[in-house]
């Protein structure tokens, strides 16, 4: 017997809205936190964007830390794992205005739990799991 599953796919419980201004701020924050010069925002952003481009049938999960490390290296910045992690976290924080949880999501899940049902949420987010 199914107890309960809330499946978040395409803005059911949470939504993400792309914003070019936030993209630029995110790349700037990433560079600053990784100790890289701000004037590399264009080349680093372009290098990072290219790592998002994949064939439609390539369903592998993107190793975002590796993508950031490789994009920084392509832009001429050698960053160790700690610098990459700081950069990813700073970029994630810069994108906060683009992420919105539906105002009733918590009440919905609490209501389901209050009825004695188990709750699971599966989401197709691309945020690094440790930050999400």
N, C-alpha and C. Protein backbone atom coordinates (compact mmCIF):
# COMPACT_ATOMS: atom_id res chain seq x y z
N UNK A 1 0.85 -1.18 0.00
CA UNK A 1 0.00 0.00 0.00
C UNK A 1 0.89 1.24 0.00
N UNK A 2 0.59 2.12 -0.90
CA UNK A 2 1.32 3.38 -0.98
C UNK A 2 0.86 4.30 0.15
N UNK A 3 1.83 4.79 0.89
CA UNK A 3 1.46 5.70 1.99
C UNK A 3 1.38 7.13 1.48
N UNK A 4 2.46 7.63 0.89
CA UNK A 4 2.43 8.96 0.27
C UNK A 4 3.76 9.24 -0.38
N UNK A 5 3.69 9.87 -1.52
CA UNK A 5 4.89 10.36 -2.18
C UNK A 5 4.55 11.70 -2.80
N UNK A 6 5.36 12.68 -2.53
CA UNK A 6 5.22 13.98 -3.19
C UNK A 6 6.37 14.05 -4.18
N UNK A 7 6.06 14.09 -5.45
CA UNK A 7 7.09 14.10 -6.47
C UNK A 7 7.17 15.49 -7.06
N UNK A 8 8.29 16.14 -6.86
CA UNK A 8 8.47 17.50 -7.35
C UNK A 8 9.18 17.46 -8.69
N UNK A 9 8.45 17.71 -9.74
CA UNK A 9 9.04 17.76 -11.07
C UNK A 9 8.41 18.93 -11.81
N UNK A 10 9.20 19.91 -12.11
CA UNK A 10 8.74 21.08 -12.85
C UNK A 10 7.82 21.97 -12.03
N UNK A 11 8.35 22.51 -10.96
CA UNK A 11 7.69 23.58 -10.20
C UNK A 11 6.46 23.16 -9.41
N UNK A 12 6.45 21.95 -8.90
CA UNK A 12 5.34 21.50 -8.07
C UNK A 12 5.47 22.06 -6.65
N UNK A 13 6.56 21.73 -5.98
CA UNK A 13 6.80 22.20 -4.62
C UNK A 13 7.84 23.33 -4.58
N UNK A 14 8.68 23.33 -5.55
CA UNK A 14 9.73 24.36 -5.60
C UNK A 14 9.96 24.72 -7.07
N UNK A 15 10.46 25.92 -7.28
CA UNK A 15 10.74 26.32 -8.64
C UNK A 15 12.07 27.06 -8.71
N UNK A 16 12.63 27.05 -9.88
CA UNK A 16 13.87 27.75 -10.15
C UNK A 16 13.63 28.60 -11.39
N UNK A 17 14.01 29.84 -11.34
CA UNK A 17 13.87 30.74 -12.49
C UNK A 17 15.24 31.26 -12.90
N UNK A 18 15.59 30.98 -14.14
CA UNK A 18 16.87 31.45 -14.67
C UNK A 18 16.87 32.97 -14.73
N UNK A 19 18.02 33.56 -14.43
CA UNK A 19 18.16 35.00 -14.49
C UNK A 19 19.60 35.31 -14.90
N UNK A 20 19.76 36.00 -16.02
CA UNK A 20 21.11 36.29 -16.51
C UNK A 20 21.92 37.14 -15.53
N UNK A 21 21.25 38.06 -14.83
CA UNK A 21 21.94 38.88 -13.84
C UNK A 21 22.47 38.03 -12.69
N UNK A 22 21.67 37.07 -12.25
CA UNK A 22 22.13 36.17 -11.19
C UNK A 22 23.25 35.27 -11.69
N UNK A 23 23.20 34.89 -12.96
CA UNK A 23 24.29 34.09 -13.54
C UNK A 23 25.60 34.86 -13.42
N UNK A 24 25.58 36.13 -13.81
CA UNK A 24 26.79 36.95 -13.74
C UNK A 24 27.26 37.13 -12.30
N UNK A 25 26.30 37.38 -11.39
CA UNK A 25 26.66 37.53 -9.96
C UNK A 25 27.19 36.22 -9.39
N UNK A 26 26.60 35.11 -9.82
CA UNK A 26 27.06 33.81 -9.34
C UNK A 26 28.48 33.51 -9.77
N UNK A 27 28.79 33.79 -11.04
CA UNK A 27 30.15 33.56 -11.52
C UNK A 27 31.13 34.48 -10.80
N UNK A 28 30.74 35.74 -10.58
CA UNK A 28 31.61 36.68 -9.86
C UNK A 28 31.85 36.20 -8.43
N UNK A 29 30.80 35.72 -7.77
CA UNK A 29 30.94 35.20 -6.40
C UNK A 29 31.83 33.97 -6.37
N UNK A 30 31.65 33.10 -7.35
CA UNK A 30 32.47 31.89 -7.45
C UNK A 30 33.95 32.27 -7.57
N UNK A 31 34.25 33.19 -8.49
CA UNK A 31 35.64 33.61 -8.68
C UNK A 31 36.22 34.24 -7.43
N UNK A 32 35.47 35.13 -6.80
CA UNK A 32 35.97 35.79 -5.59
C UNK A 32 36.27 34.78 -4.49
N UNK A 33 35.36 33.84 -4.28
CA UNK A 33 35.54 32.85 -3.21
C UNK A 33 36.68 31.89 -3.52
N UNK A 34 36.92 31.66 -4.81
CA UNK A 34 38.01 30.76 -5.20
C UNK A 34 39.35 31.49 -5.27
N UNK A 35 39.34 32.81 -5.03
CA UNK A 35 40.57 33.59 -5.05
C UNK A 35 41.05 33.94 -6.45
N UNK A 36 40.11 33.98 -7.41
CA UNK A 36 40.46 34.28 -8.79
C UNK A 36 40.13 35.73 -9.12
N UNK A 37 40.82 36.33 -10.08
CA UNK A 37 40.56 37.72 -10.45
C UNK A 37 39.18 37.90 -11.08
N UNK A 38 38.54 39.00 -10.74
CA UNK A 38 37.19 39.29 -11.24
C UNK A 38 37.16 39.45 -12.76
N UNK A 39 38.27 39.88 -13.37
CA UNK A 39 38.25 40.09 -14.82
C UNK A 39 38.19 38.79 -15.62
N UNK A 40 38.21 37.66 -14.92
CA UNK A 40 38.06 36.37 -15.61
C UNK A 40 36.61 35.91 -15.66
N UNK A 41 35.68 36.76 -15.23
CA UNK A 41 34.27 36.35 -15.18
C UNK A 41 33.76 35.91 -16.55
N UNK A 42 34.11 36.63 -17.60
CA UNK A 42 33.65 36.26 -18.94
C UNK A 42 34.19 34.91 -19.37
N UNK A 43 35.51 34.73 -19.39
CA UNK A 43 36.06 33.44 -19.82
C UNK A 43 35.65 32.27 -18.91
N UNK A 44 35.64 32.50 -17.60
CA UNK A 44 35.25 31.42 -16.69
C UNK A 44 33.77 31.08 -16.85
N UNK A 45 32.93 32.09 -17.00
CA UNK A 45 31.50 31.84 -17.20
C UNK A 45 31.24 31.09 -18.49
N UNK A 46 31.92 31.49 -19.56
CA UNK A 46 31.77 30.79 -20.83
C UNK A 46 32.23 29.34 -20.73
N UNK A 47 33.36 29.13 -20.06
CA UNK A 47 33.88 27.77 -19.90
C UNK A 47 32.93 26.92 -19.07
N UNK A 48 32.34 27.51 -18.05
CA UNK A 48 31.39 26.76 -17.22
C UNK A 48 30.12 26.43 -18.01
N UNK A 49 29.62 27.40 -18.75
CA UNK A 49 28.40 27.18 -19.56
C UNK A 49 28.58 26.04 -20.55
N UNK A 50 29.75 25.95 -21.15
CA UNK A 50 30.00 24.88 -22.11
C UNK A 50 29.90 23.50 -21.46
N UNK A 51 30.18 23.43 -20.17
CA UNK A 51 30.10 22.14 -19.49
C UNK A 51 28.65 21.70 -19.24
N UNK A 52 27.71 22.61 -19.39
CA UNK A 52 26.29 22.27 -19.26
C UNK A 52 25.74 21.71 -20.56
N UNK A 53 26.41 21.97 -21.66
CA UNK A 53 25.92 21.56 -22.98
C UNK A 53 26.24 20.09 -23.22
N UNK A 54 25.18 19.30 -23.31
CA UNK A 54 25.35 17.88 -23.57
C UNK A 54 24.23 17.41 -24.49
N UNK A 55 24.47 16.30 -25.18
CA UNK A 55 23.38 15.76 -26.00
C UNK A 55 22.17 15.40 -25.13
N UNK A 56 20.98 15.53 -25.69
CA UNK A 56 19.74 15.24 -24.95
C UNK A 56 19.73 13.85 -24.33
N UNK A 57 20.37 12.90 -24.98
CA UNK A 57 20.32 11.52 -24.47
C UNK A 57 21.40 11.23 -23.43
N UNK A 58 22.22 12.21 -23.10
CA UNK A 58 23.24 12.05 -22.06
C UNK A 58 22.60 12.41 -20.72
N UNK A 59 22.21 11.39 -19.98
CA UNK A 59 21.47 11.60 -18.73
C UNK A 59 22.37 11.49 -17.49
N UNK A 60 23.67 11.41 -17.72
CA UNK A 60 24.57 11.32 -16.57
C UNK A 60 24.49 12.59 -15.73
N UNK A 61 24.65 12.42 -14.43
CA UNK A 61 24.65 13.57 -13.53
C UNK A 61 25.94 14.36 -13.73
N UNK A 62 25.82 15.66 -13.74
CA UNK A 62 26.97 16.54 -13.89
C UNK A 62 27.73 16.60 -12.58
N UNK A 63 29.01 16.32 -12.62
CA UNK A 63 29.87 16.50 -11.45
C UNK A 63 30.22 17.98 -11.42
N UNK A 64 29.44 18.74 -10.66
CA UNK A 64 29.55 20.19 -10.73
C UNK A 64 30.89 20.70 -10.22
N UNK A 65 31.40 20.12 -9.15
CA UNK A 65 32.71 20.55 -8.65
C UNK A 65 33.78 20.34 -9.71
N UNK A 66 33.74 19.22 -10.40
CA UNK A 66 34.71 18.95 -11.48
C UNK A 66 34.51 19.94 -12.62
N UNK A 67 33.25 20.25 -12.95
CA UNK A 67 32.97 21.22 -14.01
C UNK A 67 33.53 22.59 -13.65
N UNK A 68 33.36 22.99 -12.41
CA UNK A 68 33.89 24.29 -11.95
C UNK A 68 35.41 24.27 -11.99
N UNK A 69 36.01 23.21 -11.47
CA UNK A 69 37.48 23.11 -11.47
C UNK A 69 38.02 23.20 -12.90
N UNK A 70 37.38 22.46 -13.83
CA UNK A 70 37.84 22.45 -15.21
C UNK A 70 37.62 23.80 -15.89
N UNK A 71 36.49 24.45 -15.59
CA UNK A 71 36.21 25.76 -16.17
C UNK A 71 37.21 26.80 -15.66
N UNK A 72 37.53 26.74 -14.38
CA UNK A 72 38.53 27.65 -13.82
C UNK A 72 39.89 27.41 -14.47
N UNK A 73 40.25 26.15 -14.62
CA UNK A 73 41.55 25.83 -15.24
C UNK A 73 41.60 26.34 -16.67
N UNK A 74 40.48 26.17 -17.40
CA UNK A 74 40.43 26.67 -18.78
C UNK A 74 40.61 28.19 -18.82
N UNK A 75 40.13 28.88 -17.78
CA UNK A 75 40.25 30.34 -17.71
C UNK A 75 41.60 30.77 -17.13
N UNK A 76 42.46 29.78 -16.80
CA UNK A 76 43.80 30.10 -16.31
C UNK A 76 43.93 30.14 -14.80
N UNK A 77 42.94 29.59 -14.09
CA UNK A 77 42.97 29.59 -12.62
C UNK A 77 43.13 28.16 -12.12
N UNK A 78 44.23 27.92 -11.42
CA UNK A 78 44.41 26.61 -10.80
C UNK A 78 43.84 26.69 -9.39
N UNK A 79 42.77 25.94 -9.14
CA UNK A 79 42.10 25.99 -7.84
C UNK A 79 42.10 24.59 -7.23
N UNK A 80 42.50 24.53 -5.96
CA UNK A 80 42.46 23.24 -5.27
C UNK A 80 41.01 22.92 -4.87
N UNK A 81 40.80 21.73 -4.32
CA UNK A 81 39.44 21.28 -3.97
C UNK A 81 38.76 22.22 -2.99
N UNK A 82 39.49 22.76 -2.04
CA UNK A 82 38.89 23.67 -1.05
C UNK A 82 38.44 24.97 -1.72
N UNK A 83 39.23 25.50 -2.64
CA UNK A 83 38.86 26.72 -3.35
C UNK A 83 37.65 26.49 -4.24
N UNK A 84 37.60 25.34 -4.88
CA UNK A 84 36.44 25.01 -5.72
C UNK A 84 35.19 24.90 -4.85
N UNK A 85 35.30 24.24 -3.71
CA UNK A 85 34.15 24.10 -2.81
C UNK A 85 33.66 25.46 -2.32
N UNK A 86 34.58 26.35 -1.96
CA UNK A 86 34.20 27.70 -1.56
C UNK A 86 33.50 28.43 -2.70
N UNK A 87 34.03 28.27 -3.91
CA UNK A 87 33.44 28.92 -5.07
C UNK A 87 32.04 28.42 -5.37
N UNK A 88 31.85 27.11 -5.32
CA UNK A 88 30.53 26.52 -5.58
C UNK A 88 29.53 27.01 -4.53
N UNK A 89 29.93 27.04 -3.28
CA UNK A 89 29.03 27.49 -2.22
C UNK A 89 28.67 28.97 -2.39
N UNK A 90 29.64 29.79 -2.75
CA UNK A 90 29.36 31.22 -2.96
C UNK A 90 28.42 31.41 -4.15
N UNK A 91 28.64 30.65 -5.22
CA UNK A 91 27.76 30.74 -6.39
C UNK A 91 26.34 30.31 -6.02
N UNK A 92 26.24 29.22 -5.26
CA UNK A 92 24.93 28.72 -4.82
C UNK A 92 24.18 29.80 -4.03
N UNK A 93 24.87 30.46 -3.11
CA UNK A 93 24.23 31.53 -2.32
C UNK A 93 23.77 32.68 -3.22
N UNK A 94 24.57 33.01 -4.24
CA UNK A 94 24.21 34.11 -5.14
C UNK A 94 22.92 33.80 -5.91
N UNK A 95 22.64 32.53 -6.13
CA UNK A 95 21.44 32.12 -6.87
C UNK A 95 20.20 32.04 -5.99
N UNK A 96 20.29 32.32 -4.71
CA UNK A 96 19.14 32.17 -3.79
C UNK A 96 17.86 32.85 -4.29
N UNK A 97 17.91 34.06 -4.85
CA UNK A 97 16.67 34.69 -5.31
C UNK A 97 15.96 33.93 -6.45
N UNK A 98 16.68 33.04 -7.12
CA UNK A 98 16.09 32.29 -8.24
C UNK A 98 15.33 31.05 -7.78
N UNK A 99 15.56 30.64 -6.53
CA UNK A 99 14.91 29.43 -6.00
C UNK A 99 13.77 29.84 -5.08
N UNK A 100 12.62 29.21 -5.29
CA UNK A 100 11.46 29.51 -4.45
C UNK A 100 10.72 28.22 -4.12
N UNK A 101 10.49 28.02 -2.84
CA UNK A 101 9.68 26.89 -2.40
C UNK A 101 8.24 27.37 -2.30
N UNK A 102 7.31 26.58 -2.82
CA UNK A 102 5.89 26.95 -2.77
C UNK A 102 5.52 27.23 -1.31
N UNK A 103 4.80 28.31 -1.02
CA UNK A 103 4.51 28.67 0.36
C UNK A 103 3.71 27.62 1.14
N UNK A 104 3.00 26.75 0.46
CA UNK A 104 2.22 25.72 1.14
C UNK A 104 2.92 24.35 1.15
N UNK A 105 4.13 24.26 0.62
CA UNK A 105 4.83 22.97 0.54
C UNK A 105 5.02 22.35 1.92
N UNK A 106 5.49 23.13 2.87
CA UNK A 106 5.70 22.60 4.23
C UNK A 106 4.41 22.12 4.86
N UNK A 107 3.35 22.92 4.72
CA UNK A 107 2.05 22.53 5.28
C UNK A 107 1.53 21.26 4.62
N UNK A 108 1.72 21.14 3.32
CA UNK A 108 1.29 19.92 2.61
C UNK A 108 2.01 18.70 3.17
N UNK A 109 3.32 18.77 3.27
CA UNK A 109 4.09 17.63 3.77
C UNK A 109 3.78 17.35 5.23
N UNK A 110 3.63 18.39 6.04
CA UNK A 110 3.25 18.19 7.44
C UNK A 110 1.88 17.54 7.56
N UNK A 111 0.94 17.97 6.71
CA UNK A 111 -0.41 17.39 6.73
C UNK A 111 -0.41 15.92 6.37
N UNK A 112 0.39 15.57 5.38
CA UNK A 112 0.50 14.16 4.99
C UNK A 112 1.09 13.35 6.13
N UNK A 113 2.16 13.87 6.75
CA UNK A 113 2.78 13.17 7.89
C UNK A 113 1.81 13.05 9.06
N UNK A 114 1.02 14.10 9.32
CA UNK A 114 0.07 14.08 10.43
C UNK A 114 -0.99 13.00 10.26
N UNK A 115 -1.21 12.58 9.03
CA UNK A 115 -2.17 11.50 8.76
C UNK A 115 -1.51 10.13 8.84
N UNK A 116 -0.27 10.10 9.33
CA UNK A 116 0.43 8.84 9.54
C UNK A 116 1.08 8.27 8.29
N UNK A 117 1.23 9.07 7.27
CA UNK A 117 1.82 8.58 6.03
C UNK A 117 3.28 9.00 5.92
N UNK A 118 4.05 8.16 5.27
CA UNK A 118 5.45 8.49 5.02
C UNK A 118 5.52 9.46 3.85
N UNK A 119 6.54 10.27 3.85
CA UNK A 119 6.69 11.29 2.82
C UNK A 119 8.07 11.15 2.19
N UNK A 120 8.10 11.22 0.88
CA UNK A 120 9.36 11.25 0.15
C UNK A 120 9.24 12.33 -0.91
N UNK A 121 10.29 13.06 -1.09
CA UNK A 121 10.30 14.09 -2.12
C UNK A 121 11.47 13.78 -3.06
N UNK A 122 11.17 13.64 -4.33
CA UNK A 122 12.19 13.45 -5.35
C UNK A 122 12.16 14.69 -6.23
N UNK A 123 13.30 15.28 -6.45
CA UNK A 123 13.35 16.51 -7.24
C UNK A 123 14.42 16.42 -8.30
N UNK A 124 14.20 17.07 -9.40
CA UNK A 124 15.17 17.08 -10.49
C UNK A 124 16.05 18.34 -10.45
N UNK A 125 16.50 18.67 -9.28
CA UNK A 125 17.34 19.86 -9.12
C UNK A 125 18.76 19.56 -9.59
N UNK A 126 19.50 20.59 -9.88
CA UNK A 126 20.90 20.38 -10.26
C UNK A 126 21.84 20.96 -9.21
N UNK A 127 21.29 21.37 -8.08
CA UNK A 127 22.13 21.92 -7.02
C UNK A 127 23.01 20.81 -6.43
N UNK A 128 24.20 21.15 -5.98
CA UNK A 128 25.02 20.15 -5.30
C UNK A 128 24.28 19.62 -4.07
N UNK A 129 24.17 18.29 -3.95
CA UNK A 129 23.37 17.71 -2.86
C UNK A 129 23.74 18.21 -1.47
N UNK A 130 25.03 18.42 -1.21
CA UNK A 130 25.44 18.84 0.12
C UNK A 130 24.97 20.26 0.44
N UNK A 131 24.68 21.06 -0.57
CA UNK A 131 24.17 22.41 -0.33
C UNK A 131 22.66 22.44 -0.33
N UNK A 132 22.02 21.60 -1.14
CA UNK A 132 20.57 21.58 -1.21
C UNK A 132 19.99 21.09 0.09
